[in-house]
Amino acid sequence: MTAATAPLRAALPPFRAESVFIGRSIRHTLRNGEALVMAIALPTILMLMFTYVFGGAIDPSGGYVDYVVPGTILTCAGFGASYTAVAVTTDMTRGIIDRFRTMPIGGVAVLVGHIVASLVKNLVATAIVVGVAFAIGFRPDAGLLEWLGVVGMIALWILAITTLFASIGLAAGSPDAASGYGFILLFLPYVSSAFVPISTLPGWLQPIAEHQPVTPVIETIRALLLGTPLEGPWLVAVAWCVGIIVAGIAWGAWLYRRKAGRR
């Protein structure tokens, strides 16, 4: 930063740059309707497939939809957040970051814009998926406080996974690479309690499923929605989310300074 730009940076209102980049990212999201449609359609199709194709074999009583919805919600969040990695890499490879460097703004504002836009988009997509779940027979026992807890847990998980995807976008060399790296994280719900109880998994796989971050988040959401006891999992879920956010921010800040030439 030069002596000429320093006063200009100081004169900017607090969070002005962040709000500008949030608006920019939301506009890009609205223009890319295909990404939004896919973020909603894929989890919805997955939920319908598990409910109507596999649900009868897993739970002949017909109550499998109540079990599978929490896992579908997190799968929805993962699909939606994965686009963040591609969007960040696109910004890095098209040279627009170099233009931003000439302006009196902090590099973190660019990432904040992508992350907040992803949060808004994914909360909307999640609401639509839950609406579809109600249409096919989902009947939770949650009251107002439980629903607020569900929304809070989902929002925290979206922030965590989006922060991680944003850092992956900074690390990737191209949008295609970012999409490939991020796709690996989308498999986490399948190795968890999202679609089947952990006790039904092979013995060697159960510890992995039990001690990865998705399982406590799903169990917390499931307990809030279905009225089962909410005990230890919610603390583990919050700890995982906060840890991922802190690690993602630290990694992303280091990558941005390294790639954008800030020292």
Protein backbone atom coordinates (compact mmCIF):
# COMPACT_ATOMS: atom_id res chain seq x y z
CA MET A 1 0.00 0.00 0.00
CA THR A 2 1.40 3.44 -0.92
CA ALA A 3 1.28 6.59 1.18
CA ALA A 4 -1.34 7.95 -1.21
CA THR A 5 -3.73 5.04 -0.80
CA ALA A 6 -3.33 4.70 2.97
CA PRO A 7 -5.48 7.78 3.83
CA LEU A 8 -8.09 6.63 1.34
CA ARG A 9 -8.24 3.20 2.98
CA ALA A 10 -8.59 4.81 6.40
CA ALA A 11 -11.41 7.02 5.12
CA LEU A 12 -13.53 4.09 3.95
CA PRO A 13 -16.50 3.33 6.25
CA PRO A 14 -16.19 0.10 8.26
CA PHE A 15 -17.21 -3.01 6.26
CA ARG A 16 -17.90 -0.88 3.16
CA ALA A 17 -15.63 -3.06 1.00
CA GLU A 18 -17.11 -6.27 2.40
CA SER A 19 -20.67 -5.11 1.64
CA VAL A 20 -19.67 -4.25 -1.94
CA PHE A 21 -18.16 -7.69 -2.53
CA ILE A 22 -21.13 -9.42 -0.90
CA GLY A 23 -23.42 -7.62 -3.35
CA ARG A 24 -21.12 -8.53 -6.23
CA SER A 25 -21.11 -12.23 -5.31
CA ILE A 26 -24.88 -12.34 -4.83
CA ARG A 27 -25.40 -10.78 -8.27
CA HIS A 28 -23.09 -13.36 -9.81
CA THR A 29 -25.05 -16.10 -8.04
CA LEU A 30 -28.36 -14.82 -9.39
CA ARG A 31 -26.93 -14.64 -12.90
CA ASN A 32 -25.67 -18.21 -12.66
CA GLY A 33 -29.07 -19.81 -12.33
CA GLU A 34 -27.78 -23.23 -13.35
CA ALA A 35 -25.56 -23.49 -10.27
CA LEU A 36 -28.48 -22.57 -8.01
CA VAL A 37 -30.80 -25.04 -9.72
CA MET A 38 -28.25 -27.84 -9.41
CA ALA A 39 -27.65 -27.03 -5.74
CA ILE A 40 -31.37 -27.61 -5.17
CA ALA A 41 -32.07 -30.36 -7.71
CA LEU A 42 -29.28 -32.80 -6.84
CA PRO A 43 -30.06 -33.10 -3.09
CA THR A 44 -33.79 -33.22 -3.86
CA ILE A 45 -33.32 -36.06 -6.34
CA LEU A 46 -31.08 -37.81 -3.82
CA MET A 47 -33.74 -37.50 -1.11
CA LEU A 48 -36.46 -38.80 -3.43
CA MET A 49 -34.27 -41.69 -4.53
CA PHE A 50 -33.39 -42.77 -1.01
CA THR A 51 -36.97 -42.35 0.19
CA TYR A 52 -38.80 -44.13 -2.63
CA VAL A 53 -36.15 -46.48 -4.05
CA PHE A 54 -34.18 -47.57 -0.98
CA GLY A 55 -36.47 -46.41 1.84
CA GLY A 56 -38.70 -49.47 1.80
CA ALA A 57 -35.73 -51.81 2.23
CA ILE A 58 -34.10 -49.66 4.93
CA ASP A 59 -37.27 -48.91 6.91
CA PRO A 60 -40.39 -50.86 5.81
CA SER A 61 -42.54 -48.81 8.21
CA GLY A 62 -42.36 -45.82 5.86
CA GLY A 63 -40.68 -43.51 8.35
CA TYR A 64 -37.35 -43.37 6.57
CA VAL A 65 -38.03 -39.88 5.22
CA ASP A 66 -37.79 -38.50 8.77
CA TYR A 67 -34.37 -40.11 9.14
CA VAL A 68 -32.93 -39.06 5.79
CA VAL A 69 -33.90 -35.37 5.72
CA PRO A 70 -31.08 -34.11 8.03
CA GLY A 71 -28.48 -35.85 5.87
CA THR A 72 -30.06 -34.42 2.73
CA ILE A 73 -29.89 -30.93 4.22
CA LEU A 74 -26.13 -31.21 4.73
CA THR A 75 -25.70 -32.72 1.29
CA CYS A 76 -27.57 -29.72 -0.11
CA ALA A 77 -25.23 -27.37 1.75
CA GLY A 78 -22.20 -29.20 0.38
CA PHE A 79 -23.35 -29.04 -3.24
CA GLY A 80 -24.13 -25.34 -2.94
CA ALA A 81 -20.91 -24.42 -1.15
CA SER A 82 -18.74 -26.31 -3.64
CA TYR A 83 -19.44 -23.61 -6.24
CA THR A 84 -17.53 -21.16 -4.02
CA ALA A 85 -14.25 -22.92 -4.80
CA VAL A 86 -14.84 -22.48 -8.53
CA ALA A 87 -15.89 -18.83 -8.14
CA VAL A 88 -12.81 -17.95 -6.07
CA THR A 89 -10.46 -19.69 -8.51
CA THR A 90 -12.12 -17.90 -11.41
CA ASP A 91 -11.42 -14.55 -9.74
CA MET A 92 -7.80 -15.54 -9.15
CA THR A 93 -7.14 -16.78 -12.70
CA ARG A 94 -8.86 -13.98 -14.61
CA GLY A 95 -6.68 -11.25 -13.14
CA ILE A 96 -9.46 -9.39 -11.36
CA ILE A 97 -7.64 -9.86 -8.04
CA ASP A 98 -4.73 -7.86 -9.47
CA ARG A 99 -7.16 -5.03 -10.17
CA PHE A 100 -8.53 -5.23 -6.63
CA ARG A 101 -4.96 -4.93 -5.31
CA THR A 102 -4.73 -1.44 -6.81
CA MET A 103 -7.72 -0.33 -4.72
CA PRO A 104 -7.72 0.64 -1.03
CA ILE A 105 -9.41 -2.55 0.14
CA GLY A 106 -8.33 -5.55 2.18
CA GLY A 107 -7.95 -8.91 0.49
CA VAL A 108 -10.26 -10.56 3.01
CA ALA A 109 -13.20 -8.57 1.62
CA VAL A 110 -13.12 -10.61 -1.59
CA LEU A 111 -13.45 -13.90 0.31
CA VAL A 112 -16.10 -12.49 2.66
CA GLY A 113 -18.23 -11.63 -0.36
CA HIS A 114 -18.08 -15.19 -1.69
CA ILE A 115 -18.72 -16.74 1.73
CA VAL A 116 -21.73 -14.58 2.67
CA ALA A 117 -23.28 -15.00 -0.78
CA SER A 118 -22.89 -18.77 -0.43
CA LEU A 119 -24.56 -18.66 2.98
CA VAL A 120 -27.58 -16.80 1.60
CA LYS A 121 -27.85 -19.04 -1.46
CA ASN A 122 -27.56 -22.25 0.54
CA LEU A 123 -30.10 -21.21 3.17
CA VAL A 124 -32.60 -20.54 0.38
CA ALA A 125 -31.79 -23.89 -1.28
CA THR A 126 -32.10 -25.68 2.06
CA ALA A 127 -35.53 -24.13 2.69
CA ILE A 128 -36.72 -25.40 -0.71
CA VAL A 129 -35.38 -28.90 -0.03
CA VAL A 130 -37.13 -28.95 3.37
CA GLY A 131 -40.33 -27.85 1.65
CA VAL A 132 -40.06 -30.81 -0.73
CA ALA A 133 -39.48 -33.07 2.27
CA PHE A 134 -42.74 -31.89 3.84
CA ALA A 135 -44.50 -32.61 0.56
CA ILE A 136 -43.37 -36.26 0.61
CA GLY A 137 -44.28 -36.90 4.23
CA PHE A 138 -41.62 -35.40 6.48
CA ARG A 139 -43.21 -34.69 9.86
CA PRO A 140 -40.77 -33.29 12.47
CA ASP A 141 -41.63 -32.75 16.13
CA ALA A 142 -39.65 -29.51 16.43
CA GLY A 143 -41.06 -26.39 18.02
CA LEU A 144 -39.99 -22.79 17.42
CA LEU A 145 -36.85 -23.00 19.57
CA GLU A 146 -35.82 -26.28 17.97
CA TRP A 147 -36.27 -24.84 14.48
CA LEU A 148 -34.14 -21.84 15.44
CA GLY A 149 -31.49 -24.27 16.64
CA VAL A 150 -31.71 -26.17 13.34
CA VAL A 151 -31.29 -22.97 11.31
CA GLY A 152 -28.36 -21.90 13.49
CA MET A 153 -26.63 -25.28 13.13
CA ILE A 154 -27.16 -25.34 9.38
CA ALA A 155 -25.88 -21.76 9.00
CA LEU A 156 -22.79 -22.57 11.08
CA TRP A 157 -22.05 -25.65 8.97
CA ILE A 158 -22.53 -23.69 5.73
CA LEU A 159 -20.09 -21.03 6.97
CA ALA A 160 -17.58 -23.73 7.88
CA ILE A 161 -17.75 -25.69 4.64
CA THR A 162 -17.87 -22.53 2.50
CA THR A 163 -14.78 -21.10 4.22
CA LEU A 164 -12.99 -24.34 3.46
CA PHE A 165 -14.17 -24.34 -0.16
CA ALA A 166 -13.02 -20.72 -0.55
CA SER A 167 -9.54 -21.71 0.60
CA ILE A 168 -9.56 -24.67 -1.80
CA GLY A 169 -10.42 -22.20 -4.54
CA LEU A 170 -7.37 -20.15 -3.64
CA ALA A 171 -5.15 -23.23 -3.61
CA ALA A 172 -6.38 -24.63 -6.94
CA GLY A 173 -4.69 -23.67 -10.17
CA SER A 174 -7.84 -23.64 -12.30
CA PRO A 175 -11.65 -23.78 -11.93
CA ASP A 176 -11.65 -27.41 -13.08
CA ALA A 177 -9.10 -28.34 -10.43
CA ALA A 178 -11.10 -26.47 -7.77
CA SER A 179 -14.21 -28.41 -8.75
CA GLY A 180 -12.32 -31.70 -8.52
CA TYR A 181 -10.73 -30.98 -5.15
CA GLY A 182 -14.02 -29.78 -3.68
CA PHE A 183 -15.88 -32.81 -4.99
CA ILE A 184 -13.96 -34.99 -2.54
CA LEU A 185 -15.62 -33.20 0.40
CA LEU A 186 -19.06 -33.94 -1.02
CA PHE A 187 -18.59 -37.62 -0.16
CA LEU A 188 -18.40 -36.96 3.59
CA PRO A 189 -22.18 -37.32 4.19
CA TYR A 190 -22.11 -40.78 2.61
CA VAL A 191 -19.57 -41.96 5.20
CA SER A 192 -21.63 -40.79 8.17
CA SER A 193 -25.00 -41.34 9.79
CA ALA A 194 -26.71 -39.33 7.05
CA PHE A 195 -28.45 -42.17 5.23
CA VAL A 196 -27.99 -45.28 7.40
CA PRO A 197 -27.15 -45.85 11.08
CA ILE A 198 -23.43 -46.13 11.74
CA SER A 199 -23.98 -49.54 13.34
CA THR A 200 -24.88 -50.97 9.92
CA LEU A 201 -21.54 -49.99 8.38
CA PRO A 202 -18.54 -52.37 8.25
CA GLY A 203 -16.62 -52.50 11.51
CA TRP A 204 -13.50 -50.84 10.10
CA LEU A 205 -15.58 -47.96 8.70
CA GLN A 206 -17.59 -47.20 11.85
CA PRO A 207 -14.84 -45.25 13.70
CA ILE A 208 -14.26 -43.10 10.61
CA ALA A 209 -17.97 -42.35 10.27
CA GLU A 210 -18.36 -41.64 13.97
CA HIS A 211 -15.41 -39.26 14.32
CA GLN A 212 -15.69 -37.15 11.18
CA PRO A 213 -17.36 -33.69 11.32
CA VAL A 214 -20.55 -34.44 9.38
CA THR A 215 -21.92 -37.06 11.79
CA PRO A 216 -22.26 -34.84 14.92
CA VAL A 217 -23.77 -32.05 12.83
CA ILE A 218 -26.35 -34.43 11.36
CA GLU A 219 -27.13 -35.97 14.75
CA THR A 220 -27.65 -32.49 16.23
CA ILE A 221 -30.05 -31.49 13.46
CA ARG A 222 -31.83 -34.85 13.67
CA ALA A 223 -32.25 -34.56 17.45
CA LEU A 224 -33.69 -31.04 17.16
CA LEU A 225 -36.10 -32.00 14.38
CA LEU A 226 -37.29 -35.33 15.78
CA GLY A 227 -37.35 -34.43 19.46
CA THR A 228 -34.74 -36.97 20.57
CA PRO A 229 -32.35 -36.16 23.46
CA LEU A 230 -29.82 -33.46 22.54
CA GLU A 231 -26.69 -34.37 24.45
CA GLY A 232 -23.00 -34.39 23.55
CA PRO A 233 -23.19 -34.27 19.73
CA TRP A 234 -24.13 -30.59 19.57
CA LEU A 235 -20.99 -29.55 21.44
CA VAL A 236 -18.85 -31.69 19.14
CA ALA A 237 -20.69 -30.30 16.11
CA VAL A 238 -20.10 -26.68 17.14
CA ALA A 239 -16.45 -27.42 17.93
CA TRP A 240 -15.93 -29.00 14.51
CA CYS A 241 -17.58 -26.06 12.72
CA VAL A 242 -15.62 -23.42 14.64
CA GLY A 243 -12.39 -25.34 14.10
CA ILE A 244 -13.00 -25.62 10.35
CA ILE A 245 -13.83 -21.90 10.12
CA VAL A 246 -10.66 -20.88 11.99
CA ALA A 247 -8.49 -23.24 9.94
CA GLY A 248 -10.13 -22.15 6.69
CA ILE A 249 -9.64 -18.45 7.46
CA ALA A 250 -6.00 -18.95 8.43
CA TRP A 251 -5.27 -21.07 5.36
CA GLY A 252 -7.17 -18.72 3.06
CA ALA A 253 -5.43 -15.60 4.40
CA TRP A 254 -2.02 -17.22 3.91
CA LEU A 255 -2.89 -18.35 0.38
CA TYR A 256 -4.26 -14.94 -0.57
CA ARG A 257 -1.14 -13.13 0.64
CA ARG A 258 1.02 -15.65 -1.19
CA LYS A 259 -0.89 -15.60 -4.49
CA ALA A 260 -1.85 -11.94 -4.56
CA GLY A 261 1.67 -10.87 -3.68
CA ARG A 262 0.74 -9.21 -0.34
CA ARG A 263 3.57 -9.41 2.19
